[in-house]
Amino acid sequence: MLIKDLTRKLSMALIILTVSTFAHSNQSWKFKVFLDEQEIGEHTFKVASYNNKTHVTVNAEFDVYFLFINAYSYRHTNYEVWDGQCLQSVRSKTSDNGEELYVQGEYASETFNIKTPTGEHSAEGCLKTFAYWDPTFLTSQHLLNAQTGEITPVTVENLGEEMIMVRSKLTAATHYRLTTDDYIIDLWYSNNNEWLALNSTTNSGSVLRYKIQ
């Protein structure tokens, strides 16, 4: 496969995989991220509650090497504020192999206003982003992509209980499949609703895999 083709398809997949939303108070997640068998970086999520709001911070750093050459580089930061389970504001910056992206969003008068490099738009009512660590987000039919600012329609299937390896231990988990127009994302949660794992297959057939630390 051509390097350009692989990196383009990886970039499109990461648009969905690096967004965030409301979660439980004062928790953090750290994942090693793999593209097929190659480790490409880390993705961290931190949540804290204060001043009656939930504050979410996300950082991702990925580098894909081909024949010892850095063929693809990705950096993403995201900061969100939540009131209950409704998004109040979002500020994200992304460097996607040299392309600079941002999203600025603010809730006011029952409308969430969104600004991106391509323009401005808005959405009415309570808005959520892709809340991987909080499985209640799986009841949503539309989610905000915090990297692009797009409102994305989604469908979710419960695929039942499976045994998966988590921190070198075989663990019972419930498997969900989230589908958008462009992507399929598989998520696993423990019996206590802890987010354990994520896989996504790119259009090229490569698998992005998150391994919790």
Protein backbone atom coordinates (compact mmCIF):
# COMPACT_ATOMS: atom_id res chain seq x y z
CA MET A 1 0.00 0.00 0.00
CA LEU A 2 1.23 3.50 -0.80
CA ILE A 3 2.25 5.56 2.25
CA LYS A 4 0.07 8.46 1.10
CA ASP A 5 -2.99 6.19 0.87
CA LEU A 6 -2.43 4.68 4.32
CA THR A 7 -1.89 8.02 6.05
CA ARG A 8 -4.94 9.59 4.41
CA LYS A 9 -7.19 6.77 5.61
CA LEU A 10 -5.63 6.78 9.09
CA SER A 11 -6.21 10.53 9.30
CA MET A 12 -9.90 10.08 8.49
CA ALA A 13 -10.28 7.39 11.17
CA LEU A 14 -8.59 9.52 13.84
CA ILE A 15 -11.11 12.30 13.27
CA ILE A 16 -13.65 10.13 15.11
CA LEU A 17 -11.31 8.47 17.59
CA THR A 18 -9.92 11.58 19.26
CA VAL A 19 -13.04 13.30 20.53
CA SER A 20 -14.38 13.39 24.08
CA THR A 21 -17.27 14.24 26.39
CA PHE A 22 -18.85 13.99 29.85
CA ALA A 23 -17.60 11.26 32.18
CA HIS A 24 -17.48 10.27 35.82
CA SER A 25 -15.76 12.61 38.30
CA ASN A 26 -11.98 12.69 38.76
CA GLN A 27 -10.94 9.80 36.56
CA SER A 28 -8.25 9.24 33.95
CA TRP A 29 -7.51 6.80 31.15
CA LYS A 30 -4.23 6.16 29.38
CA PHE A 31 -4.05 4.01 26.26
CA LYS A 32 -1.20 2.80 24.10
CA VAL A 33 -2.35 2.98 20.49
CA PHE A 34 -1.44 0.46 17.77
CA LEU A 35 -1.92 0.47 14.01
CA ASP A 36 -2.05 -3.25 13.25
CA GLU A 37 1.01 -4.48 15.23
CA GLN A 38 2.95 -1.19 15.24
CA GLU A 39 2.75 0.97 18.37
CA ILE A 40 2.16 4.53 17.14
CA GLY A 41 1.64 6.56 20.32
CA GLU A 42 -0.51 7.34 23.36
CA HIS A 43 -3.95 8.79 24.01
CA THR A 44 -4.87 10.15 27.45
CA PHE A 45 -8.20 11.30 28.90
CA LYS A 46 -8.63 13.18 32.19
CA VAL A 47 -11.88 14.21 33.89
CA ALA A 48 -12.32 16.45 36.94
CA SER A 49 -15.33 18.05 38.58
CA TYR A 50 -15.26 21.47 40.26
CA ASN A 51 -17.43 24.61 40.40
CA ASN A 52 -20.43 22.35 39.62
CA LYS A 53 -19.03 21.56 36.17
CA THR A 54 -17.21 18.61 34.60
CA HIS A 55 -13.89 19.44 32.90
CA VAL A 56 -12.42 17.08 30.30
CA THR A 57 -8.87 17.19 28.90
CA VAL A 58 -7.69 14.97 26.04
CA ASN A 59 -4.23 14.60 24.48
CA ALA A 60 -3.11 12.38 21.62
CA GLU A 61 0.31 11.98 19.97
CA PHE A 62 0.72 9.51 17.09
CA ASP A 63 3.58 8.85 14.66
CA VAL A 64 3.49 6.21 11.92
CA TYR A 65 6.87 5.03 10.60
CA PHE A 66 7.51 3.29 7.30
CA LEU A 67 11.03 2.04 6.58
CA PHE A 68 12.30 4.23 9.48
CA ILE A 69 10.69 7.32 7.93
CA ASN A 70 8.02 9.26 9.82
CA ALA A 71 5.24 8.87 7.26
CA TYR A 72 2.46 10.36 9.36
CA SER A 73 2.34 12.63 12.43
CA TYR A 74 -0.73 13.54 14.49
CA ARG A 75 -1.18 15.80 17.53
CA HIS A 76 -4.51 16.60 19.16
CA THR A 77 -5.57 18.50 22.30
CA ASN A 78 -9.11 19.05 23.45
CA TYR A 79 -10.69 20.80 26.45
CA GLU A 80 -14.40 20.61 27.24
CA VAL A 81 -16.71 21.88 29.99
CA TRP A 82 -19.95 20.09 30.82
CA ASP A 83 -23.04 20.95 32.85
CA GLY A 84 -24.52 17.58 33.79
CA GLN A 85 -24.54 15.56 30.59
CA CYS A 86 -24.79 18.55 28.24
CA LEU A 87 -21.77 20.15 26.60
CA GLN A 88 -21.22 23.82 27.53
CA SER A 89 -18.01 24.58 25.64
CA VAL A 90 -15.24 22.97 23.61
CA ARG A 91 -11.80 24.11 22.46
CA SER A 92 -9.72 21.75 20.32
CA LYS A 93 -6.57 22.02 18.20
CA THR A 94 -5.24 19.39 15.83
CA SER A 95 -2.13 19.06 13.70
CA ASP A 96 -2.99 16.34 11.19
CA ASN A 97 0.23 15.62 9.31
CA GLY A 98 0.80 19.36 8.88
CA GLU A 99 -2.83 20.40 8.40
CA GLU A 100 -3.96 22.67 11.23
CA LEU A 101 -7.54 22.29 12.51
CA TYR A 102 -9.53 23.79 15.37
CA VAL A 103 -13.02 23.74 16.88
CA GLN A 104 -14.47 26.42 19.15
CA GLY A 105 -17.95 25.82 20.55
CA GLU A 106 -20.15 27.55 23.13
CA TYR A 107 -23.66 26.90 24.46
CA ALA A 108 -25.96 29.92 24.84
CA SER A 109 -29.75 30.39 24.77
CA GLU A 110 -30.43 26.68 24.12
CA THR A 111 -28.16 26.71 21.06
CA PHE A 112 -24.64 25.34 20.70
CA ASN A 113 -22.63 27.57 18.36
CA ILE A 114 -19.67 26.00 16.56
CA LYS A 115 -16.76 27.67 14.73
CA THR A 116 -14.21 25.82 12.56
CA PRO A 117 -11.75 26.84 9.79
CA THR A 118 -14.49 26.12 7.24
CA GLY A 119 -17.17 28.31 8.83
CA GLU A 120 -19.79 28.52 11.56
CA HIS A 121 -22.96 26.55 12.34
CA SER A 122 -25.14 25.66 15.33
CA ALA A 123 -27.16 22.86 16.93
CA GLU A 124 -30.15 23.13 19.24
CA GLY A 125 -30.65 21.46 22.60
CA CYS A 126 -28.35 19.23 24.68
CA LEU A 127 -25.31 18.19 22.66
CA LYS A 128 -22.83 15.38 23.40
CA THR A 129 -19.53 14.30 21.90
CA PHE A 130 -18.21 10.72 21.60
CA ALA A 131 -18.18 9.67 25.31
CA TYR A 132 -16.20 6.46 25.09
CA TRP A 133 -15.67 6.14 28.86
CA ASP A 134 -19.30 6.91 29.76
CA PRO A 135 -21.49 4.23 28.15
CA THR A 136 -24.65 6.31 28.55
CA PHE A 137 -23.52 8.22 25.45
CA LEU A 138 -24.39 5.09 23.45
CA THR A 139 -28.08 6.07 23.65
CA SER A 140 -27.45 9.15 21.47
CA GLN A 141 -28.39 9.30 17.79
CA HIS A 142 -26.22 12.31 16.92
CA LEU A 143 -22.83 13.29 18.36
CA LEU A 144 -20.49 16.25 17.94
CA ASN A 145 -17.10 15.47 16.41
CA ALA A 146 -14.82 17.71 18.49
CA GLN A 147 -12.03 17.65 15.90
CA THR A 148 -14.07 18.71 12.86
CA GLY A 149 -17.13 20.34 14.45
CA GLU A 150 -19.46 18.11 12.46
CA ILE A 151 -22.71 16.71 13.91
CA THR A 152 -22.47 12.98 13.18
CA PRO A 153 -25.42 10.54 13.03
CA VAL A 154 -24.64 7.24 14.79
CA THR A 155 -26.21 3.85 15.39
CA VAL A 156 -25.24 1.44 18.20
CA GLU A 157 -25.52 -2.34 18.61
CA ASN A 158 -25.05 -4.38 21.78
CA LEU A 159 -23.11 -7.48 20.64
CA GLY A 160 -23.21 -9.20 24.03
CA GLU A 161 -20.64 -10.35 26.55
CA GLU A 162 -17.14 -11.50 25.59
CA MET A 163 -13.89 -12.37 27.37
CA ILE A 164 -11.00 -10.04 26.48
CA MET A 165 -7.46 -9.47 27.75
CA VAL A 166 -7.17 -6.37 29.98
CA ARG A 167 -3.86 -5.60 31.72
CA SER A 168 -2.74 -9.22 31.07
CA LYS A 169 -5.91 -10.62 32.67
CA LEU A 170 -8.86 -12.30 30.96
CA THR A 171 -11.87 -10.10 31.73
CA ALA A 172 -15.61 -10.27 31.05
CA ALA A 173 -16.77 -7.32 28.93
CA THR A 174 -19.83 -6.14 27.02
CA HIS A 175 -19.12 -5.45 23.36
CA TYR A 176 -20.81 -2.51 21.58
CA ARG A 177 -20.50 -1.53 17.93
CA LEU A 178 -20.90 2.16 16.99
CA THR A 179 -21.45 2.88 13.31
CA THR A 180 -21.32 6.18 11.43
CA ASP A 181 -21.58 6.81 7.69
CA ASP A 182 -17.81 6.32 7.42
CA TYR A 183 -16.61 4.24 10.38
CA ILE A 184 -17.24 1.24 12.57
CA ILE A 185 -15.92 1.53 16.14
CA ASP A 186 -15.94 -1.43 18.55
CA LEU A 187 -16.00 -0.67 22.28
CA TRP A 188 -15.77 -2.92 25.36
CA TYR A 189 -16.95 -2.16 28.91
CA SER A 190 -16.58 -4.08 32.17
CA ASN A 191 -19.53 -5.22 34.28
CA ASN A 192 -18.95 -1.99 36.27
CA ASN A 193 -19.22 0.10 33.07
CA GLU A 194 -15.47 0.86 32.95
CA TRP A 195 -14.21 1.56 29.44
CA LEU A 196 -11.66 -1.17 28.64
CA ALA A 197 -10.83 -1.23 24.93
CA LEU A 198 -11.47 0.21 21.48
CA ASN A 199 -10.84 -1.05 17.95
CA SER A 200 -11.56 0.58 14.61
CA THR A 201 -10.87 -0.74 11.12
CA THR A 202 -9.80 1.81 8.49
CA ASN A 203 -11.06 1.68 4.91
CA SER A 204 -7.71 0.20 3.92
CA GLY A 205 -8.21 -2.75 6.30
CA SER A 206 -5.70 -1.61 8.94
CA VAL A 207 -6.85 -1.89 12.57
CA LEU A 208 -6.46 0.88 15.15
CA ARG A 209 -6.33 -0.70 18.60
CA TYR A 210 -6.37 0.97 22.04
CA LYS A 211 -4.68 -0.97 24.88
CA ILE A 212 -5.44 0.40 28.35
CA GLN A 213 -2.52 0.92 30.75
